[in-house]
Amino acid sequence: MQRPEGNAAEVRRADAEFFAQWTSYLAGQETVAIGQTLPPHSQDCVGCGPANPAGLGLQVVRTAEGVEAVHSFSDAHVGAPGIAHGGVVALAFDDLFGFVLYTVGALAVTRSITVEYQAPFRLHHPYTFRAQARERNGRRLLLHAEAWDNAGRMAGSASATFVVVGAGHFISGAERPHGEDG
């Protein structure tokens, strides 16, 4: 969807329509059976969007415990020579947590994320990322993930707090006061 070139009111209306469709899409996802691939958050998502040439292109599957993705970092993700940049690894964990929301059945956003690196994430080597919800307390979700190499060694883990929000959180976000989440 292209943004209109008109006045601010037209742009806000177009944004509101787009985000209403997007949040309806996310919130309306049917439960995906174990073993099936989950749909991307959006076509342009930097973590999983198939239309984003700079993205990771994660493909995530529903498991009995949560979600899983097998991913190899490419030359586009280099930090130190031969190793994926830590920020890109954190992106993979954060995006994977977004897929856990399909299993919880709620729209939510990242409040905090902590990544622990046990080993370098080598480029062109597959890693199995697994994530699940550990606890839900009101609007607060506590999530956990781990990444394993093909030899069965843990390369990293992450914990995150997500906060459940309404669809209004994503609509005209720039115009709301800080901290208001609709």
C-alpha atoms as a PDB file:
ATOM      1  CA  MET A   1       0.000   0.000   0.000  1.00  0.00           C
ATOM      2  CA  GLN A   2       1.427   3.372  -0.986  1.00  0.00           C
ATOM      3  CA  ARG A   3       1.049   6.402   1.243  1.00  0.00           C
ATOM      4  CA  PRO A   4      -0.961   9.223  -0.330  1.00  0.00           C
ATOM      5  CA  GLU A   5       0.949  12.388  -1.170  1.00  0.00           C
ATOM      6  CA  GLY A   6      -1.907  14.578   0.089  1.00  0.00           C
ATOM      7  CA  ASN A   7      -2.453  16.388   3.337  1.00  0.00           C
ATOM      8  CA  ALA A   8      -1.746  14.994   6.801  1.00  0.00           C
ATOM      9  CA  ALA A   9      -5.380  13.956   7.354  1.00  0.00           C
ATOM     10  CA  GLU A  10      -5.319  11.792   4.194  1.00  0.00           C
ATOM     11  CA  VAL A  11      -2.040  10.183   5.286  1.00  0.00           C
ATOM     12  CA  ARG A  12      -3.454   9.465   8.779  1.00  0.00           C
ATOM     13  CA  ARG A  13      -6.601   7.901   7.268  1.00  0.00           C
ATOM     14  CA  ALA A  14      -4.517   5.719   4.945  1.00  0.00           C
ATOM     15  CA  ASP A  15      -2.250   4.669   7.824  1.00  0.00           C
ATOM     16  CA  ALA A  16      -5.245   3.871  10.028  1.00  0.00           C
ATOM     17  CA  GLU A  17      -6.833   1.758   7.278  1.00  0.00           C
ATOM     18  CA  PHE A  18      -3.586  -0.103   6.623  1.00  0.00           C
ATOM     19  CA  PHE A  19      -2.925  -0.834  10.315  1.00  0.00           C
ATOM     20  CA  ALA A  20      -6.542  -1.868  10.901  1.00  0.00           C
ATOM     21  CA  GLN A  21      -6.216  -4.443   8.108  1.00  0.00           C
ATOM     22  CA  TRP A  22      -2.818  -5.609   9.388  1.00  0.00           C
ATOM     23  CA  THR A  23      -3.848  -6.000  13.036  1.00  0.00           C
ATOM     24  CA  SER A  24      -7.056  -7.725  11.953  1.00  0.00           C
ATOM     25  CA  TYR A  25      -4.918 -10.126   9.909  1.00  0.00           C
ATOM     26  CA  LEU A  26      -2.634 -10.867  12.880  1.00  0.00           C
ATOM     27  CA  ALA A  27      -5.410 -11.157  15.448  1.00  0.00           C
ATOM     28  CA  GLY A  28      -7.577 -13.250  13.126  1.00  0.00           C
ATOM     29  CA  GLN A  29      -5.060 -16.011  12.499  1.00  0.00           C
ATOM     30  CA  GLU A  30      -6.566 -19.423  12.900  1.00  0.00           C
ATOM     31  CA  THR A  31      -4.739 -21.807  15.167  1.00  0.00           C
ATOM     32  CA  VAL A  32      -2.023 -23.406  13.078  1.00  0.00           C
ATOM     33  CA  ALA A  33      -1.561 -27.128  13.555  1.00  0.00           C
ATOM     34  CA  ILE A  34       1.666 -28.467  15.016  1.00  0.00           C
ATOM     35  CA  GLY A  35       4.209 -28.887  12.243  1.00  0.00           C
ATOM     36  CA  GLN A  36       2.697 -26.244   9.971  1.00  0.00           C
ATOM     37  CA  THR A  37       4.485 -23.078   8.878  1.00  0.00           C
ATOM     38  CA  LEU A  38       3.196 -19.834  10.400  1.00  0.00           C
ATOM     39  CA  PRO A  39       2.463 -16.840   8.143  1.00  0.00           C
ATOM     40  CA  PRO A  40       4.928 -13.908   8.193  1.00  0.00           C
ATOM     41  CA  HIS A  41       4.131 -10.898  10.373  1.00  0.00           C
ATOM     42  CA  SER A  42       4.003  -8.860   7.165  1.00  0.00           C
ATOM     43  CA  GLN A  43       5.466  -9.190   3.693  1.00  0.00           C
ATOM     44  CA  ASP A  44       8.051  -6.506   4.533  1.00  0.00           C
ATOM     45  CA  CYS A  45       8.994  -7.638   8.058  1.00  0.00           C
ATOM     46  CA  VAL A  46      12.778  -7.472   8.486  1.00  0.00           C
ATOM     47  CA  GLY A  47      12.743 -10.764  10.375  1.00  0.00           C
ATOM     48  CA  CYS A  48      10.370 -12.908   8.336  1.00  0.00           C
ATOM     49  CA  GLY A  49       8.999 -10.908   5.408  1.00  0.00           C
ATOM     50  CA  PRO A  50       9.573 -12.645   2.082  1.00  0.00           C
ATOM     51  CA  ALA A  51       9.436  -9.284   0.252  1.00  0.00           C
ATOM     52  CA  ASN A  52      12.238  -7.697   2.305  1.00  0.00           C
ATOM     53  CA  PRO A  53      15.553  -8.203   0.470  1.00  0.00           C
ATOM     54  CA  ALA A  54      17.525  -7.006   3.527  1.00  0.00           C
ATOM     55  CA  GLY A  55      15.640  -9.273   5.937  1.00  0.00           C
ATOM     56  CA  LEU A  56      16.389 -12.625   7.509  1.00  0.00           C
ATOM     57  CA  GLY A  57      13.548 -14.482   5.804  1.00  0.00           C
ATOM     58  CA  LEU A  58      12.784 -16.622   8.860  1.00  0.00           C
ATOM     59  CA  GLN A  59      10.358 -19.459   8.228  1.00  0.00           C
ATOM     60  CA  VAL A  60       8.756 -20.510  11.482  1.00  0.00           C
ATOM     61  CA  VAL A  61       6.910 -23.714  12.314  1.00  0.00           C
ATOM     62  CA  ARG A  62       4.440 -24.343  15.139  1.00  0.00           C
ATOM     63  CA  THR A  63       5.624 -26.991  17.625  1.00  0.00           C
ATOM     64  CA  ALA A  64       3.945 -28.649  20.590  1.00  0.00           C
ATOM     65  CA  GLU A  65       5.919 -26.355  22.942  1.00  0.00           C
ATOM     66  CA  GLY A  66       5.872 -23.133  20.908  1.00  0.00           C
ATOM     67  CA  VAL A  67       7.664 -22.288  17.650  1.00  0.00           C
ATOM     68  CA  GLU A  68      10.848 -23.267  15.808  1.00  0.00           C
ATOM     69  CA  ALA A  69      12.929 -21.977  12.901  1.00  0.00           C
ATOM     70  CA  VAL A  70      16.087 -23.298  11.285  1.00  0.00           C
ATOM     71  CA  HIS A  71      18.155 -20.403  10.002  1.00  0.00           C
ATOM     72  CA  SER A  72      21.609 -19.775   8.509  1.00  0.00           C
ATOM     73  CA  PHE A  73      22.988 -16.253   8.607  1.00  0.00           C
ATOM     74  CA  SER A  74      24.361 -14.974   5.282  1.00  0.00           C
ATOM     75  CA  ASP A  75      27.218 -12.681   4.251  1.00  0.00           C
ATOM     76  CA  ALA A  76      24.736  -9.788   4.548  1.00  0.00           C
ATOM     77  CA  HIS A  77      24.696 -10.398   8.327  1.00  0.00           C
ATOM     78  CA  VAL A  78      28.435 -10.349   9.019  1.00  0.00           C
ATOM     79  CA  GLY A  79      29.859  -8.737  12.153  1.00  0.00           C
ATOM     80  CA  ALA A  80      33.359 -10.070  12.700  1.00  0.00           C
ATOM     81  CA  PRO A  81      34.708 -12.036   9.720  1.00  0.00           C
ATOM     82  CA  GLY A  82      32.768 -15.281   9.335  1.00  0.00           C
ATOM     83  CA  ILE A  83      30.451 -14.506  12.256  1.00  0.00           C
ATOM     84  CA  ALA A  84      26.927 -13.079  12.329  1.00  0.00           C
ATOM     85  CA  HIS A  85      26.561  -9.652  13.934  1.00  0.00           C
ATOM     86  CA  GLY A  86      25.123  -9.912  17.453  1.00  0.00           C
ATOM     87  CA  GLY A  87      22.385  -7.431  16.624  1.00  0.00           C
ATOM     88  CA  VAL A  88      21.172  -9.608  13.762  1.00  0.00           C
ATOM     89  CA  VAL A  89      21.123 -12.626  16.089  1.00  0.00           C
ATOM     90  CA  ALA A  90      19.052 -10.554  18.549  1.00  0.00           C
ATOM     91  CA  LEU A  91      16.725  -9.666  15.646  1.00  0.00           C
ATOM     92  CA  ALA A  92      16.225 -13.382  14.938  1.00  0.00           C
ATOM     93  CA  PHE A  93      15.292 -14.026  18.579  1.00  0.00           C
ATOM     94  CA  ASP A  94      12.962 -11.004  18.731  1.00  0.00           C
ATOM     95  CA  ASP A  95      11.192 -11.940  15.515  1.00  0.00           C
ATOM     96  CA  LEU A  96      10.838 -15.544  16.697  1.00  0.00           C
ATOM     97  CA  PHE A  97       9.201 -14.231  19.877  1.00  0.00           C
ATOM     98  CA  GLY A  98       6.713 -12.442  17.643  1.00  0.00           C
ATOM     99  CA  PHE A  99       5.661 -15.841  16.319  1.00  0.00           C
ATOM    100  CA  VAL A 100       5.046 -17.110  19.848  1.00  0.00           C
ATOM    101  CA  LEU A 101       2.207 -14.574  19.919  1.00  0.00           C
ATOM    102  CA  TYR A 102       0.317 -16.738  17.400  1.00  0.00           C
ATOM    103  CA  THR A 103       0.338 -19.510  20.021  1.00  0.00           C
ATOM    104  CA  VAL A 104      -0.817 -17.120  22.758  1.00  0.00           C
ATOM    105  CA  GLY A 105      -3.534 -15.503  20.631  1.00  0.00           C
ATOM    106  CA  ALA A 106      -2.705 -11.879  21.436  1.00  0.00           C
ATOM    107  CA  LEU A 107      -1.184  -8.783  19.858  1.00  0.00           C
ATOM    108  CA  ALA A 108       1.839  -7.753  21.920  1.00  0.00           C
ATOM    109  CA  VAL A 109       5.063  -5.754  21.636  1.00  0.00           C
ATOM    110  CA  THR A 110       8.573  -6.203  22.961  1.00  0.00           C
ATOM    111  CA  ARG A 111       9.122  -4.482  26.298  1.00  0.00           C
ATOM    112  CA  SER A 112      12.604  -5.890  26.888  1.00  0.00           C
ATOM    113  CA  ILE A 113      14.860  -8.585  25.497  1.00  0.00           C
ATOM    114  CA  THR A 114      18.073 -10.063  26.854  1.00  0.00           C
ATOM    115  CA  VAL A 115      20.306 -12.204  24.664  1.00  0.00           C
ATOM    116  CA  GLU A 116      23.034 -14.458  26.036  1.00  0.00           C
ATOM    117  CA  TYR A 117      25.692 -15.553  23.536  1.00  0.00           C
ATOM    118  CA  GLN A 118      27.329 -18.884  24.438  1.00  0.00           C
ATOM    119  CA  ALA A 119      29.245 -19.199  21.137  1.00  0.00           C
ATOM    120  CA  PRO A 120      29.680 -17.262  17.904  1.00  0.00           C
ATOM    121  CA  PHE A 121      26.926 -17.688  15.326  1.00  0.00           C
ATOM    122  CA  ARG A 122      28.912 -18.697  12.243  1.00  0.00           C
ATOM    123  CA  LEU A 123      27.795 -17.574   8.804  1.00  0.00           C
ATOM    124  CA  HIS A 124      26.292 -20.244   6.514  1.00  0.00           C
ATOM    125  CA  HIS A 125      25.790 -22.712   9.394  1.00  0.00           C
ATOM    126  CA  PRO A 126      22.237 -23.745  10.297  1.00  0.00           C
ATOM    127  CA  TYR A 127      20.951 -22.970  13.796  1.00  0.00           C
ATOM    128  CA  THR A 128      17.713 -24.266  15.239  1.00  0.00           C
ATOM    129  CA  PHE A 129      15.879 -21.538  17.139  1.00  0.00           C
ATOM    130  CA  ARG A 130      13.097 -22.609  19.538  1.00  0.00           C
ATOM    131  CA  ALA A 131      10.851 -20.271  21.539  1.00  0.00           C
ATOM    132  CA  GLN A 132       7.872 -20.553  23.864  1.00  0.00           C
ATOM    133  CA  ALA A 133       5.799 -18.585  26.324  1.00  0.00           C
ATOM    134  CA  ARG A 134       6.835 -19.318  29.897  1.00  0.00           C
ATOM    135  CA  GLU A 135       4.277 -17.222  31.783  1.00  0.00           C
ATOM    136  CA  ARG A 136       1.370 -14.868  31.274  1.00  0.00           C
ATOM    137  CA  ASN A 137       0.390 -12.443  34.002  1.00  0.00           C
ATOM    138  CA  GLY A 138      -2.308 -10.030  32.854  1.00  0.00           C
ATOM    139  CA  ARG A 139      -0.845  -8.092  29.921  1.00  0.00           C
ATOM    140  CA  ARG A 140       2.723  -9.280  30.609  1.00  0.00           C
ATOM    141  CA  LEU A 141       4.140 -12.258  28.700  1.00  0.00           C
ATOM    142  CA  LEU A 142       7.464 -13.855  29.650  1.00  0.00           C
ATOM    143  CA  LEU A 143       9.087 -15.621  26.713  1.00  0.00           C
ATOM    144  CA  HIS A 144      12.208 -17.768  26.366  1.00  0.00           C
ATOM    145  CA  ALA A 145      14.203 -19.026  23.373  1.00  0.00           C
ATOM    146  CA  GLU A 146      17.339 -20.992  22.615  1.00  0.00           C
ATOM    147  CA  ALA A 147      19.445 -21.518  19.493  1.00  0.00           C
ATOM    148  CA  TRP A 148      21.358 -24.731  18.858  1.00  0.00           C
ATOM    149  CA  ASP A 149      23.964 -25.631  16.237  1.00  0.00           C
ATOM    150  CA  ASN A 150      23.920 -28.882  14.227  1.00  0.00           C
ATOM    151  CA  ALA A 151      26.260 -30.560  16.736  1.00  0.00           C
ATOM    152  CA  GLY A 152      23.689 -30.035  19.501  1.00  0.00           C
ATOM    153  CA  ARG A 153      25.566 -27.207  21.236  1.00  0.00           C
ATOM    154  CA  MET A 154      23.650 -24.195  22.496  1.00  0.00           C
ATOM    155  CA  ALA A 155      24.907 -21.088  20.709  1.00  0.00           C
ATOM    156  CA  GLY A 156      22.645 -18.609  22.477  1.00  0.00           C
ATOM    157  CA  SER A 157      19.493 -17.979  24.439  1.00  0.00           C
ATOM    158  CA  ALA A 158      17.114 -15.087  24.971  1.00  0.00           C
ATOM    159  CA  SER A 159      14.451 -14.012  27.415  1.00  0.00           C
ATOM    160  CA  ALA A 160      11.895 -11.322  26.716  1.00  0.00           C
ATOM    161  CA  THR A 161       8.995  -9.509  28.270  1.00  0.00           C
ATOM    162  CA  PHE A 162       6.203  -8.653  25.871  1.00  0.00           C
ATOM    163  CA  VAL A 163       3.197  -6.483  26.698  1.00  0.00           C
ATOM    164  CA  VAL A 164      -0.230  -7.271  25.250  1.00  0.00           C
ATOM    165  CA  VAL A 165      -1.667  -4.261  23.416  1.00  0.00           C
ATOM    166  CA  GLY A 166      -4.820  -3.435  21.512  1.00  0.00           C
ATOM    167  CA  ALA A 167      -4.894  -2.828  17.772  1.00  0.00           C
ATOM    168  CA  GLY A 168      -4.957   0.915  18.501  1.00  0.00           C
ATOM    169  CA  HIS A 169      -1.312   0.684  19.564  1.00  0.00           C
ATOM    170  CA  PHE A 170      -0.334   0.374  15.901  1.00  0.00           C
ATOM    171  CA  ILE A 171      -2.683   3.031  14.525  1.00  0.00           C
ATOM    172  CA  SER A 172      -1.396   6.601  14.343  1.00  0.00           C
ATOM    173  CA  GLY A 173       1.253   5.743  16.926  1.00  0.00           C
ATOM    174  CA  ALA A 174       3.231   8.903  16.286  1.00  0.00           C
ATOM    175  CA  GLU A 175       0.299  11.067  17.344  1.00  0.00           C
ATOM    176  CA  ARG A 176      -0.334   9.463  20.749  1.00  0.00           C
ATOM    177  CA  PRO A 177       1.462  10.602  23.883  1.00  0.00           C
ATOM    178  CA  HIS A 178       4.424   8.438  24.933  1.00  0.00           C
ATOM    179  CA  GLY A 179       3.329   5.391  26.921  1.00  0.00           C
ATOM    180  CA  GLU A 180      -0.254   5.288  25.631  1.00  0.00           C
ATOM    181  CA  ASP A 181      -0.826   1.967  23.893  1.00  0.00           C
ATOM    182  CA  GLY A 182      -4.466   1.920  22.870  1.00  0.00           C
END
